[in-house]
Amino acid sequence: MEQQDNYYKGLFYGAALGAAVGTVMGLLFAPDKGRETQRIISGKLRRALDLATDKAAEFYDGDEEGQPYANEARTRSKEIIENARDEARKILDEANTILKDIKSQAKGQTRSQDT
C-alpha cells in the first residue's frame, strides 16, 4: 500500500512539475514582449499552483493519513513554482540582453554600410 501511495505521490509531483515547465517554456517562446511575458508566466504559474493545491486537497480530502502528503504537496508545489518563476526570469533577462546585443550589432552594421 505504501508503494502505491509513493507511486501516486511521484506521479502528482511529476505532473505538477511538467505542467509548470511546459507552461513556462510555451510562454518563453511566445511573441510577447519581456515584461508582458513575465506577467503572463506569473499568472499561469499562480493558477497552476492553485490547481495543484486543489487537486492534492481533493486527493487526500478526508483521509487523516493522507493529510501530511497534501501539506507536503502544497509546499513542494510552491517551491517548484517559485523555482520555475526564477528560472523564467533569468532566461528572459538573458534573452533580452542577447536581443539588445543583436539590435546594437545590426545598427552598427547598417551605419557602416551607409558610409
PDB file of N, CA and C in Angstrom:
ATOM      1  N   MET A   1       0.822  -1.197   0.000  1.00  0.00           N
ATOM      2  CA  MET A   1       0.000   0.000   0.000  1.00  0.00           C
ATOM      3  C   MET A   1       0.867   1.262   0.000  1.00  0.00           C
ATOM      4  N   GLU A   2       1.938   1.231   0.790  1.00  0.00           N
ATOM      5  CA  GLU A   2       2.831   2.389   0.850  1.00  0.00           C
ATOM      6  C   GLU A   2       3.492   2.629  -0.503  1.00  0.00           C
ATOM      7  N   GLN A   3       3.826   1.536  -1.194  1.00  0.00           N
ATOM      8  CA  GLN A   3       4.451   1.667  -2.510  1.00  0.00           C
ATOM      9  C   GLN A   3       3.486   2.348  -3.490  1.00  0.00           C
ATOM     10  N   GLN A   4       2.205   1.995  -3.400  1.00  0.00           N
ATOM     11  CA  GLN A   4       1.211   2.615  -4.270  1.00  0.00           C
ATOM     12  C   GLN A   4       1.055   4.099  -3.935  1.00  0.00           C
ATOM     13  N   ASP A   5       1.067   4.437  -2.637  1.00  0.00           N
ATOM     14  CA  ASP A   5       0.982   5.841  -2.230  1.00  0.00           C
ATOM     15  C   ASP A   5       2.173   6.629  -2.768  1.00  0.00           C
ATOM     16  N   ASN A   6       3.353   6.045  -2.682  1.00  0.00           N
ATOM     17  CA  ASN A   6       4.552   6.710  -3.201  1.00  0.00           C
ATOM     18  C   ASN A   6       4.467   6.894  -4.710  1.00  0.00           C
ATOM     19  N   TYR A   7       3.872   5.899  -5.388  1.00  0.00           N
ATOM     20  CA  TYR A   7       3.699   5.992  -6.833  1.00  0.00           C
ATOM     21  C   TYR A   7       2.823   7.197  -7.182  1.00  0.00           C
ATOM     22  N   TYR A   8       1.679   7.323  -6.502  1.00  0.00           N
ATOM     23  CA  TYR A   8       0.773   8.433  -6.786  1.00  0.00           C
ATOM     24  C   TYR A   8       1.386   9.774  -6.398  1.00  0.00           C
ATOM     25  N   LYS A   9       2.138   9.766  -5.319  1.00  0.00           N
ATOM     26  CA  LYS A   9       2.804  10.990  -4.897  1.00  0.00           C
ATOM     27  C   LYS A   9       3.813  11.426  -5.964  1.00  0.00           C
ATOM     28  N   GLY A  10       4.602  10.480  -6.447  1.00  0.00           N
ATOM     29  CA  GLY A  10       5.564  10.785  -7.506  1.00  0.00           C
ATOM     30  C   GLY A  10       4.883  11.218  -8.793  1.00  0.00           C
ATOM     31  N   LEU A  11       3.779  10.568  -9.102  1.00  0.00           N
ATOM     32  CA  LEU A  11       3.015  10.923 -10.296  1.00  0.00           C
ATOM     33  C   LEU A  11       2.500  12.357 -10.197  1.00  0.00           C
ATOM     34  N   PHE A  12       2.004  12.703  -9.023  1.00  0.00           N
ATOM     35  CA  PHE A  12       1.500  14.061  -8.803  1.00  0.00           C
ATOM     36  C   PHE A  12       2.617  15.082  -8.965  1.00  0.00           C
ATOM     37  N   TYR A  13       3.750  14.841  -8.317  1.00  0.00           N
ATOM     38  CA  TYR A  13       4.877  15.774  -8.414  1.00  0.00           C
ATOM     39  C   TYR A  13       5.343  15.908  -9.858  1.00  0.00           C
ATOM     40  N   GLY A  14       5.421  14.793 -10.544  1.00  0.00           N
ATOM     41  CA  GLY A  14       5.851  14.825 -11.939  1.00  0.00           C
ATOM     42  C   GLY A  14       4.895  15.612 -12.817  1.00  0.00           C
ATOM     43  N   ALA A  15       3.599  15.410 -12.597  1.00  0.00           N
ATOM     44  CA  ALA A  15       2.597  16.133 -13.383  1.00  0.00           C
ATOM     45  C   ALA A  15       2.653  17.629 -13.092  1.00  0.00           C
ATOM     46  N   ALA A  16       2.790  17.977 -11.815  1.00  0.00           N
ATOM     47  CA  ALA A  16       2.857  19.398 -11.439  1.00  0.00           C
ATOM     48  C   ALA A  16       4.094  20.052 -12.040  1.00  0.00           C
ATOM     49  N   LEU A  17       5.220  19.379 -11.932  1.00  0.00           N
ATOM     50  CA  LEU A  17       6.456  19.925 -12.483  1.00  0.00           C
ATOM     51  C   LEU A  17       6.375  20.028 -14.006  1.00  0.00           C
ATOM     52  N   GLY A  18       5.843  18.990 -14.637  1.00  0.00           N
ATOM     53  CA  GLY A  18       5.699  19.004 -16.091  1.00  0.00           C
ATOM     54  C   GLY A  18       4.800  20.127 -16.573  1.00  0.00           C
ATOM     55  N   ALA A  19       3.703  20.344 -15.853  1.00  0.00           N
ATOM     56  CA  ALA A  19       2.788  21.430 -16.216  1.00  0.00           C
ATOM     57  C   ALA A  19       3.471  22.783 -16.069  1.00  0.00           C
ATOM     58  N   ALA A  20       4.195  22.950 -14.977  1.00  0.00           N
ATOM     59  CA  ALA A  20       4.874  24.229 -14.736  1.00  0.00           C
ATOM     60  C   ALA A  20       5.938  24.488 -15.796  1.00  0.00           C
ATOM     61  N   VAL A  21       6.762  23.493 -16.055  1.00  0.00           N
ATOM     62  CA  VAL A  21       7.839  23.658 -17.038  1.00  0.00           C
ATOM     63  C   VAL A  21       7.259  23.871 -18.434  1.00  0.00           C
ATOM     64  N   GLY A  22       6.233  23.108 -18.778  1.00  0.00           N
ATOM     65  CA  GLY A  22       5.604  23.265 -20.087  1.00  0.00           C
ATOM     66  C   GLY A  22       5.005  24.644 -20.284  1.00  0.00           C
ATOM     67  N   THR A  23       4.370  25.139 -19.240  1.00  0.00           N
ATOM     68  CA  THR A  23       3.786  26.478 -19.305  1.00  0.00           C
ATOM     69  C   THR A  23       4.859  27.532 -19.501  1.00  0.00           C
ATOM     70  N   VAL A  24       5.909  27.425 -18.709  1.00  0.00           N
ATOM     71  CA  VAL A  24       6.998  28.401 -18.803  1.00  0.00           C
ATOM     72  C   VAL A  24       7.641  28.354 -20.185  1.00  0.00           C
ATOM     73  N   MET A  25       7.945  27.175 -20.663  1.00  0.00           N
ATOM     74  CA  MET A  25       8.602  27.060 -21.967  1.00  0.00           C
ATOM     75  C   MET A  25       7.700  27.576 -23.088  1.00  0.00           C
ATOM     76  N   GLY A  26       6.416  27.267 -23.005  1.00  0.00           N
ATOM     77  CA  GLY A  26       5.487  27.747 -24.018  1.00  0.00           C
ATOM     78  C   GLY A  26       5.420  29.261 -24.061  1.00  0.00           C
ATOM     79  N   LEU A  27       5.411  29.860 -22.894  1.00  0.00           N
ATOM     80  CA  LEU A  27       5.335  31.317 -22.834  1.00  0.00           C
ATOM     81  C   LEU A  27       6.644  31.984 -23.216  1.00  0.00           C
ATOM     82  N   LEU A  28       7.745  31.332 -22.917  1.00  0.00           N
ATOM     83  CA  LEU A  28       9.038  31.919 -23.266  1.00  0.00           C
ATOM     84  C   LEU A  28       9.217  32.048 -24.772  1.00  0.00           C
ATOM     85  N   PHE A  29       8.624  31.141 -25.505  1.00  0.00           N
ATOM     86  CA  PHE A  29       8.768  31.180 -26.952  1.00  0.00           C
ATOM     87  C   PHE A  29       7.610  31.912 -27.629  1.00  0.00           C
ATOM     88  N   ALA A  30       6.728  32.487 -26.841  1.00  0.00           N
ATOM     89  CA  ALA A  30       5.622  33.273 -27.388  1.00  0.00           C
ATOM     90  C   ALA A  30       6.163  34.624 -27.864  1.00  0.00           C
ATOM     91  N   PRO A  31       5.474  35.254 -28.798  1.00  0.00           N
ATOM     92  CA  PRO A  31       5.996  36.501 -29.370  1.00  0.00           C
ATOM     93  C   PRO A  31       5.696  37.771 -28.565  1.00  0.00           C
ATOM     94  N   ASP A  32       5.379  37.655 -27.288  1.00  0.00           N
ATOM     95  CA  ASP A  32       5.103  38.844 -26.471  1.00  0.00           C
ATOM     96  C   ASP A  32       6.392  39.498 -26.009  1.00  0.00           C
ATOM     97  N   LYS A  33       6.275  40.744 -25.553  1.00  0.00           N
ATOM     98  CA  LYS A  33       7.425  41.469 -25.011  1.00  0.00           C
ATOM     99  C   LYS A  33       7.803  40.879 -23.664  1.00  0.00           C
ATOM    100  N   GLY A  34       9.024  41.143 -23.206  1.00  0.00           N
ATOM    101  CA  GLY A  34       9.563  40.562 -21.979  1.00  0.00           C
ATOM    102  C   GLY A  34       8.702  40.768 -20.751  1.00  0.00           C
ATOM    103  N   ARG A  35       8.324  41.997 -20.449  1.00  0.00           N
ATOM    104  CA  ARG A  35       7.530  42.277 -19.240  1.00  0.00           C
ATOM    105  C   ARG A  35       6.154  41.628 -19.336  1.00  0.00           C
ATOM    106  N   GLU A  36       5.558  41.683 -20.515  1.00  0.00           N
ATOM    107  CA  GLU A  36       4.248  41.062 -20.713  1.00  0.00           C
ATOM    108  C   GLU A  36       4.354  39.552 -20.525  1.00  0.00           C
ATOM    109  N   THR A  37       5.409  38.957 -21.055  1.00  0.00           N
ATOM    110  CA  THR A  37       5.615  37.523 -20.893  1.00  0.00           C
ATOM    111  C   THR A  37       5.808  37.176 -19.428  1.00  0.00           C
ATOM    112  N   GLN A  38       6.561  37.981 -18.697  1.00  0.00           N
ATOM    113  CA  GLN A  38       6.743  37.725 -17.265  1.00  0.00           C
ATOM    114  C   GLN A  38       5.415  37.789 -16.528  1.00  0.00           C
ATOM    115  N   ARG A  39       4.572  38.747 -16.893  1.00  0.00           N
ATOM    116  CA  ARG A  39       3.264  38.865 -16.247  1.00  0.00           C
ATOM    117  C   ARG A  39       2.407  37.635 -16.546  1.00  0.00           C
ATOM    118  N   ILE A  40       2.449  37.187 -17.788  1.00  0.00           N
ATOM    119  CA  ILE A  40       1.682  36.010 -18.183  1.00  0.00           C
ATOM    120  C   ILE A  40       2.197  34.778 -17.450  1.00  0.00           C
ATOM    121  N   ILE A  41       3.529  34.619 -17.406  1.00  0.00           N
ATOM    122  CA  ILE A  41       4.117  33.472 -16.716  1.00  0.00           C
ATOM    123  C   ILE A  41       3.706  33.475 -15.252  1.00  0.00           C
ATOM    124  N   SER A  42       3.779  34.622 -14.629  1.00  0.00           N
ATOM    125  CA  SER A  42       3.420  34.726 -13.222  1.00  0.00           C
ATOM    126  C   SER A  42       1.974  34.295 -12.992  1.00  0.00           C
ATOM    127  N   GLY A  43       1.069  34.773 -13.833  1.00  0.00           N
ATOM    128  CA  GLY A  43      -0.342  34.403 -13.697  1.00  0.00           C
ATOM    129  C   GLY A  43      -0.578  32.929 -13.939  1.00  0.00           C
ATOM    130  N   LYS A  44       0.050  32.397 -14.981  1.00  0.00           N
ATOM    131  CA  LYS A  44      -0.121  30.973 -15.292  1.00  0.00           C
ATOM    132  C   LYS A  44       0.439  30.096 -14.177  1.00  0.00           C
ATOM    133  N   LEU A  45       1.604  30.466 -13.660  1.00  0.00           N
ATOM    134  CA  LEU A  45       2.197  29.680 -12.585  1.00  0.00           C
ATOM    135  C   LEU A  45       1.341  29.738 -11.329  1.00  0.00           C
ATOM    136  N   ARG A  46       0.772  30.897 -11.053  1.00  0.00           N
ATOM    137  CA  ARG A  46      -0.104  31.030  -9.884  1.00  0.00           C
ATOM    138  C   ARG A  46      -1.330  30.129 -10.045  1.00  0.00           C
ATOM    139  N   ARG A  47      -1.918  30.112 -11.252  1.00  0.00           N
ATOM    140  CA  ARG A  47      -3.078  29.246 -11.488  1.00  0.00           C
ATOM    141  C   ARG A  47      -2.690  27.773 -11.415  1.00  0.00           C
ATOM    142  N   ALA A  48      -1.505  27.436 -11.927  1.00  0.00           N
ATOM    143  CA  ALA A  48      -1.041  26.047 -11.847  1.00  0.00           C
ATOM    144  C   ALA A  48      -0.845  25.627 -10.394  1.00  0.00           C
ATOM    145  N   LEU A  49      -0.303  26.517  -9.588  1.00  0.00           N
ATOM    146  CA  LEU A  49      -0.118  26.225  -8.168  1.00  0.00           C
ATOM    147  C   LEU A  49      -1.463  26.021  -7.488  1.00  0.00           C
ATOM    148  N   ASP A  50      -2.421  26.898  -7.779  1.00  0.00           N
ATOM    149  CA  ASP A  50      -3.751  26.756  -7.188  1.00  0.00           C
ATOM    150  C   ASP A  50      -4.389  25.438  -7.594  1.00  0.00           C
ATOM    151  N   LEU A  51      -4.267  25.083  -8.864  1.00  0.00           N
ATOM    152  CA  LEU A  51      -4.834  23.831  -9.349  1.00  0.00           C
ATOM    153  C   LEU A  51      -4.168  22.636  -8.677  1.00  0.00           C
ATOM    154  N   ALA A  52      -2.839  22.666  -8.596  1.00  0.00           N
ATOM    155  CA  ALA A  52      -2.117  21.560  -7.960  1.00  0.00           C
ATOM    156  C   ALA A  52      -2.507  21.430  -6.496  1.00  0.00           C
ATOM    157  N   THR A  53      -2.652  22.549  -5.816  1.00  0.00           N
ATOM    158  CA  THR A  53      -3.046  22.529  -4.410  1.00  0.00           C
ATOM    159  C   THR A  53      -4.454  21.973  -4.257  1.00  0.00           C
ATOM    160  N   ASP A  54      -5.366  22.411  -5.117  1.00  0.00           N
ATOM    161  CA  ASP A  54      -6.738  21.908  -5.050  1.00  0.00           C
ATOM    162  C   ASP A  54      -6.797  20.410  -5.319  1.00  0.00           C
ATOM    163  N   LYS A  55      -6.051  19.958  -6.324  1.00  0.00           N
ATOM    164  CA  LYS A  55      -6.056  18.529  -6.651  1.00  0.00           C
ATOM    165  C   LYS A  55      -5.467  17.701  -5.514  1.00  0.00           C
ATOM    166  N   ALA A  56      -4.418  18.204  -4.892  1.00  0.00           N
ATOM    167  CA  ALA A  56      -3.829  17.489  -3.756  1.00  0.00           C
ATOM    168  C   ALA A  56      -4.826  17.409  -2.612  1.00  0.00           C
ATOM    169  N   ALA A  57      -5.534  18.498  -2.367  1.00  0.00           N
ATOM    170  CA  ALA A  57      -6.530  18.507  -1.294  1.00  0.00           C
ATOM    171  C   ALA A  57      -7.668  17.544  -1.610  1.00  0.00           C
ATOM    172  N   GLU A  58      -8.120  17.516  -2.869  1.00  0.00           N
ATOM    173  CA  GLU A  58      -9.169  16.574  -3.270  1.00  0.00           C
ATOM    174  C   GLU A  58      -8.699  15.138  -3.106  1.00  0.00           C
ATOM    175  N   PHE A  59      -7.468  14.885  -3.511  1.00  0.00           N
ATOM    176  CA  PHE A  59      -6.928  13.528  -3.473  1.00  0.00           C
ATOM    177  C   PHE A  59      -6.873  12.994  -2.048  1.00  0.00           C
ATOM    178  N   TYR A  60      -6.503  13.854  -1.121  1.00  0.00           N
ATOM    179  CA  TYR A  60      -6.340  13.419   0.263  1.00  0.00           C
ATOM    180  C   TYR A  60      -7.468  13.890   1.171  1.00  0.00           C
ATOM    181  N   ASP A  61      -8.522  14.474   0.603  1.00  0.00           N
ATOM    182  CA  ASP A  61      -9.618  15.014   1.399  1.00  0.00           C
ATOM    183  C   ASP A  61     -10.248  13.930   2.264  1.00  0.00           C
ATOM    184  N   GLY A  62     -10.349  14.220   3.541  1.00  0.00           N
ATOM    185  CA  GLY A  62     -10.990  13.294   4.465  1.00  0.00           C
ATOM    186  C   GLY A  62     -10.116  12.136   4.888  1.00  0.00           C
ATOM    187  N   ASP A  63      -8.915  12.081   4.436  1.00  0.00           N
ATOM    188  CA  ASP A  63      -8.007  10.984   4.777  1.00  0.00           C
ATOM    189  C   ASP A  63      -6.977  11.512   5.761  1.00  0.00           C
ATOM    190  N   GLU A  64      -7.155  11.164   7.018  1.00  0.00           N
ATOM    191  CA  GLU A  64      -6.256  11.666   8.066  1.00  0.00           C
ATOM    192  C   GLU A  64      -4.803  11.293   7.773  1.00  0.00           C
ATOM    193  N   GLU A  65      -4.582  10.087   7.276  1.00  0.00           N
ATOM    194  CA  GLU A  65      -3.214   9.647   6.985  1.00  0.00           C
ATOM    195  C   GLU A  65      -2.644  10.393   5.781  1.00  0.00           C
ATOM    196  N   GLY A  66      -3.500  10.815   4.892  1.00  0.00           N
ATOM    197  CA  GLY A  66      -3.035  11.484   3.679  1.00  0.00           C
ATOM    198  C   GLY A  66      -2.800  12.972   3.843  1.00  0.00           C
ATOM    199  N   GLN A  67      -3.269  13.540   4.943  1.00  0.00           N
ATOM    200  CA  GLN A  67      -3.127  14.984   5.145  1.00  0.00           C
ATOM    201  C   GLN A  67      -1.673  15.454   5.104  1.00  0.00           C
ATOM    202  N   PRO A  68      -0.735  14.730   5.731  1.00  0.00           N
ATOM    203  CA  PRO A  68       0.665  15.171   5.611  1.00  0.00           C
ATOM    204  C   PRO A  68       1.147  15.207   4.155  1.00  0.00           C
ATOM    205  N   TYR A  69       0.660  14.264   3.329  1.00  0.00           N
ATOM    206  CA  TYR A  69       1.046  14.263   1.917  1.00  0.00           C
ATOM    207  C   TYR A  69       0.474  15.487   1.207  1.00  0.00           C
ATOM    208  N   ALA A  70      -0.761  15.851   1.558  1.00  0.00           N
ATOM    209  CA  ALA A  70      -1.366  17.031   0.945  1.00  0.00           C
ATOM    210  C   ALA A  70      -0.588  18.281   1.327  1.00  0.00           C
ATOM    211  N   ASN A  71      -0.208  18.377   2.590  1.00  0.00           N
ATOM    212  CA  ASN A  71       0.577  19.536   3.033  1.00  0.00           C
ATOM    213  C   ASN A  71       1.934  19.573   2.343  1.00  0.00           C
ATOM    214  N   GLU A  72       2.546  18.407   2.234  1.00  0.00           N
ATOM    215  CA  GLU A  72       3.843  18.331   1.554  1.00  0.00           C
ATOM    216  C   GLU A  72       3.691  18.702   0.079  1.00  0.00           C
ATOM    217  N   ALA A  73       2.601  18.244  -0.539  1.00  0.00           N
ATOM    218  CA  ALA A  73       2.365  18.563  -1.948  1.00  0.00           C
ATOM    219  C   ALA A  73       2.200  20.066  -2.138  1.00  0.00           C
ATOM    220  N   ARG A  74       1.485  20.714  -1.220  1.00  0.00           N
ATOM    221  CA  ARG A  74       1.320  22.167  -1.312  1.00  0.00           C
ATOM    222  C   ARG A  74       2.675  22.868  -1.214  1.00  0.00           C
ATOM    223  N   THR A  75       3.456  22.451  -0.228  1.00  0.00           N
ATOM    224  CA  THR A  75       4.765  23.068  -0.019  1.00  0.00           C
ATOM    225  C   THR A  75       5.666  22.853  -1.225  1.00  0.00           C
ATOM    226  N   ARG A  76       5.727  21.618  -1.700  1.00  0.00           N
ATOM    227  CA  ARG A  76       6.591  21.308  -2.842  1.00  0.00           C
ATOM    228  C   ARG A  76       6.116  22.031  -4.104  1.00  0.00           C
ATOM    229  N   SER A  77       4.800  22.118  -4.283  1.00  0.00           N
ATOM    230  CA  SER A  77       4.268  22.818  -5.454  1.00  0.00           C
ATOM    231  C   SER A  77       4.691  24.275  -5.440  1.00  0.00           C
ATOM    232  N   LYS A  78       4.599  24.908  -4.278  1.00  0.00           N
ATOM    233  CA  LYS A  78       5.015  26.307  -4.169  1.00  0.00           C
ATOM    234  C   LYS A  78       6.494  26.458  -4.487  1.00  0.00           C
ATOM    235  N   GLU A  79       7.309  25.527  -3.982  1.00  0.00           N
ATOM    236  CA  GLU A  79       8.747  25.580  -4.256  1.00  0.00           C
ATOM    237  C   GLU A  79       9.021  25.425  -5.748  1.00  0.00           C
ATOM    238  N   ILE A  80       8.342  24.477  -6.366  1.00  0.00           N
ATOM    239  CA  ILE A  80       8.537  24.223  -7.799  1.00  0.00           C
ATOM    240  C   ILE A  80       8.148  25.452  -8.614  1.00  0.00           C
ATOM    241  N   ILE A  81       7.021  26.043  -8.267  1.00  0.00           N
ATOM    242  CA  ILE A  81       6.551  27.220  -8.990  1.00  0.00           C
ATOM    243  C   ILE A  81       7.522  28.387  -8.819  1.00  0.00           C
ATOM    244  N   GLU A  82       7.987  28.606  -7.606  1.00  0.00           N
ATOM    245  CA  GLU A  82       8.939  29.697  -7.357  1.00  0.00           C
ATOM    246  C   GLU A  82      10.238  29.472  -8.127  1.00  0.00           C
ATOM    247  N   ASN A  83      10.726  28.231  -8.121  1.00  0.00           N
ATOM    248  CA  ASN A  83      11.953  27.923  -8.864  1.00  0.00           C
ATOM    249  C   ASN A  83      11.748  28.140 -10.361  1.00  0.00           C
ATOM    250  N   ALA A  84      10.609  27.692 -10.868  1.00  0.00           N
ATOM    251  CA  ALA A  84      10.321  27.870 -12.292  1.00  0.00           C
ATOM    252  C   ALA A  84      10.210  29.353 -12.633  1.00  0.00           C
ATOM    253  N   ARG A  85       9.579  30.116 -11.755  1.00  0.00           N
ATOM    254  CA  ARG A  85       9.435  31.561 -11.974  1.00  0.00           C
ATOM    255  C   ARG A  85      10.809  32.232 -12.000  1.00  0.00           C
ATOM    256  N   ASP A  86      11.673  31.863 -11.056  1.00  0.00           N
ATOM    257  CA  ASP A  86      13.022  32.440 -11.018  1.00  0.00           C
ATOM    258  C   ASP A  86      13.806  32.096 -12.283  1.00  0.00           C
ATOM    259  N   GLU A  87      13.722  30.837 -12.696  1.00  0.00           N
ATOM    260  CA  GLU A  87      14.433  30.421 -13.906  1.00  0.00           C
ATOM    261  C   GLU A  87      13.886  31.143 -15.131  1.00  0.00           C
ATOM    262  N   ALA A  88      12.571  31.311 -15.188  1.00  0.00           N
ATOM    263  CA  ALA A  88      11.970  32.020 -16.322  1.00  0.00           C
ATOM    264  C   ALA A  88      12.464  33.460 -16.374  1.00  0.00           C
ATOM    265  N   ARG A  89      12.555  34.098 -15.222  1.00  0.00           N
ATOM    266  CA  ARG A  89      13.060  35.479 -15.188  1.00  0.00           C
ATOM    267  C   ARG A  89      14.501  35.540 -15.684  1.00  0.00           C
ATOM    268  N   LYS A  90      15.323  34.580 -15.247  1.00  0.00           N
ATOM    269  CA  LYS A  90      16.719  34.555 -15.694  1.00  0.00           C
ATOM    270  C   LYS A  90      16.798  34.383 -17.210  1.00  0.00           C
ATOM    271  N   ILE A  91      16.010  33.462 -17.726  1.00  0.00           N
ATOM    272  CA  ILE A  91      16.021  33.198 -19.163  1.00  0.00           C
ATOM    273  C   ILE A  91      15.548  34.429 -19.933  1.00  0.00           C
ATOM    274  N   LEU A  92      14.492  35.069 -19.442  1.00  0.00           N
ATOM    275  CA  LEU A  92      14.001  36.280 -20.110  1.00  0.00           C
ATOM    276  C   LEU A  92      15.035  37.393 -20.081  1.00  0.00           C
ATOM    277  N   ASP A  93      15.705  37.557 -18.953  1.00  0.00           N
ATOM    278  CA  ASP A  93      16.748  38.581 -18.860  1.00  0.00           C
ATOM    279  C   ASP A  93      17.878  38.302 -19.846  1.00  0.00           C
ATOM    280  N   GLU A  94      18.297  37.040 -19.927  1.00  0.00           N
ATOM    281  CA  GLU A  94      19.350  36.669 -20.873  1.00  0.00           C
ATOM    282  C   GLU A  94      18.890  36.899 -22.312  1.00  0.00           C
ATOM    283  N   ALA A  95      17.648  36.515 -22.595  1.00  0.00           N
ATOM    284  CA  ALA A  95      17.121  36.696 -23.949  1.00  0.00           C
ATOM    285  C   ALA A  95      17.050  38.175 -24.307  1.00  0.00           C
ATOM    286  N   ASN A  96      16.624  39.003 -23.360  1.00  0.00           N
ATOM    287  CA  ASN A  96      16.567  40.450 -23.616  1.00  0.00           C
ATOM    288  C   ASN A  96      17.958  41.026 -23.853  1.00  0.00           C
ATOM    289  N   THR A  97      18.948  40.558 -23.100  1.00  0.00           N
ATOM    290  CA  THR A  97      20.326  41.016 -23.285  1.00  0.00           C
ATOM    291  C   THR A  97      20.836  40.630 -24.671  1.00  0.00           C
ATOM    292  N   ILE A  98      20.590  39.407 -25.058  1.00  0.00           N
ATOM    293  CA  ILE A  98      21.019  38.934 -26.379  1.00  0.00           C
ATOM    294  C   ILE A  98      20.324  39.733 -27.479  1.00  0.00           C
ATOM    295  N   LEU A  99      19.028  39.973 -27.300  1.00  0.00           N
ATOM    296  CA  LEU A  99      18.280  40.741 -28.296  1.00  0.00           C
ATOM    297  C   LEU A  99      18.832  42.155 -28.431  1.00  0.00           C
ATOM    298  N   LYS A 100      19.152  42.789 -27.311  1.00  0.00           N
ATOM    299  CA  LYS A 100      19.739  44.133 -27.352  1.00  0.00           C
ATOM    300  C   LYS A 100      21.083  44.115 -28.065  1.00  0.00           C
ATOM    301  N   ASP A 101      21.897  43.087 -27.786  1.00  0.00           N
ATOM    302  CA  ASP A 101      23.196  42.969 -28.456  1.00  0.00           C
ATOM    303  C   ASP A 101      23.022  42.819 -29.964  1.00  0.00           C
ATOM    304  N   ILE A 102      22.070  42.003 -30.355  1.00  0.00           N
ATOM    305  CA  ILE A 102      21.827  41.779 -31.781  1.00  0.00           C
ATOM    306  C   ILE A 102      21.369  43.075 -32.447  1.00  0.00           C
ATOM    307  N   LYS A 103      20.449  43.787 -31.787  1.00  0.00           N
ATOM    308  CA  LYS A 103      19.977  45.060 -32.345  1.00  0.00           C
ATOM    309  C   LYS A 103      21.118  46.059 -32.461  1.00  0.00           C
ATOM    310  N   SER A 104      21.961  46.100 -31.441  1.00  0.00           N
ATOM    311  CA  SER A 104      23.101  47.014 -31.436  1.00  0.00           C
ATOM    312  C   SER A 104      24.059  46.682 -32.575  1.00  0.00           C
ATOM    313  N   GLN A 105      24.341  45.407 -32.756  1.00  0.00           N
ATOM    314  CA  GLN A 105      25.236  44.992 -33.834  1.00  0.00           C
ATOM    315  C   GLN A 105      24.623  45.289 -35.199  1.00  0.00           C
ATOM    316  N   ALA A 106      23.320  45.073 -35.312  1.00  0.00           N
ATOM    317  CA  ALA A 106      22.648  45.334 -36.586  1.00  0.00           C
ATOM    318  C   ALA A 106      22.696  46.821 -36.918  1.00  0.00           C
ATOM    319  N   LYS A 107      22.504  47.680 -35.923  1.00  0.00           N
ATOM    320  CA  LYS A 107      22.586  49.125 -36.154  1.00  0.00           C
ATOM    321  C   LYS A 107      23.995  49.520 -36.570  1.00  0.00           C
ATOM    322  N   GLY A 108      24.997  48.924 -35.935  1.00  0.00           N
ATOM    323  CA  GLY A 108      26.386  49.218 -36.274  1.00  0.00           C
ATOM    324  C   GLY A 108      26.714  48.806 -37.691  1.00  0.00           C
ATOM    325  N   GLN A 109      26.221  47.668 -38.132  1.00  0.00           N
ATOM    326  CA  GLN A 109      26.475  47.206 -39.491  1.00  0.00           C
ATOM    327  C   GLN A 109      25.751  48.079 -40.505  1.00  0.00           C
ATOM    328  N   THR A 110      24.546  48.510 -40.158  1.00  0.00           N
ATOM    329  CA  THR A 110      23.783  49.369 -41.063  1.00  0.00           C
ATOM    330  C   THR A 110      24.486  50.702 -41.244  1.00  0.00           C
ATOM    331  N   ARG A 111      25.003  51.266 -40.163  1.00  0.00           N
ATOM    332  CA  ARG A 111      25.707  52.553 -40.241  1.00  0.00           C
ATOM    333  C   ARG A 111      26.984  52.430 -41.057  1.00  0.00           C
ATOM    334  N   SER A 112      27.715  51.338 -40.889  1.00  0.00           N
ATOM    335  CA  SER A 112      28.969  51.180 -41.629  1.00  0.00           C
ATOM    336  C   SER A 112      28.697  50.946 -43.114  1.00  0.00           C
ATOM    337  N   GLN A 113      27.565  50.364 -43.443  1.00  0.00           N
ATOM    338  CA  GLN A 113      27.219  50.153 -44.847  1.00  0.00           C
ATOM    339  C   GLN A 113      26.756  51.449 -45.504  1.00  0.00           C
ATOM    340  N   ASP A 114      26.183  52.353 -44.698  1.00  0.00           N
ATOM    341  CA  ASP A 114      25.703  53.632 -45.232  1.00  0.00           C
ATOM    342  C   ASP A 114      26.859  54.551 -45.615  1.00  0.00           C
ATOM    343  N   THR A 115      28.006  54.412 -44.966  1.00  0.00           N
ATOM    344  CA  THR A 115      29.117  55.332 -45.229  1.00  0.00           C
ATOM    345  C   THR A 115      29.985  54.905 -46.367  1.00  0.00           C
TER     346      THR A 115
END
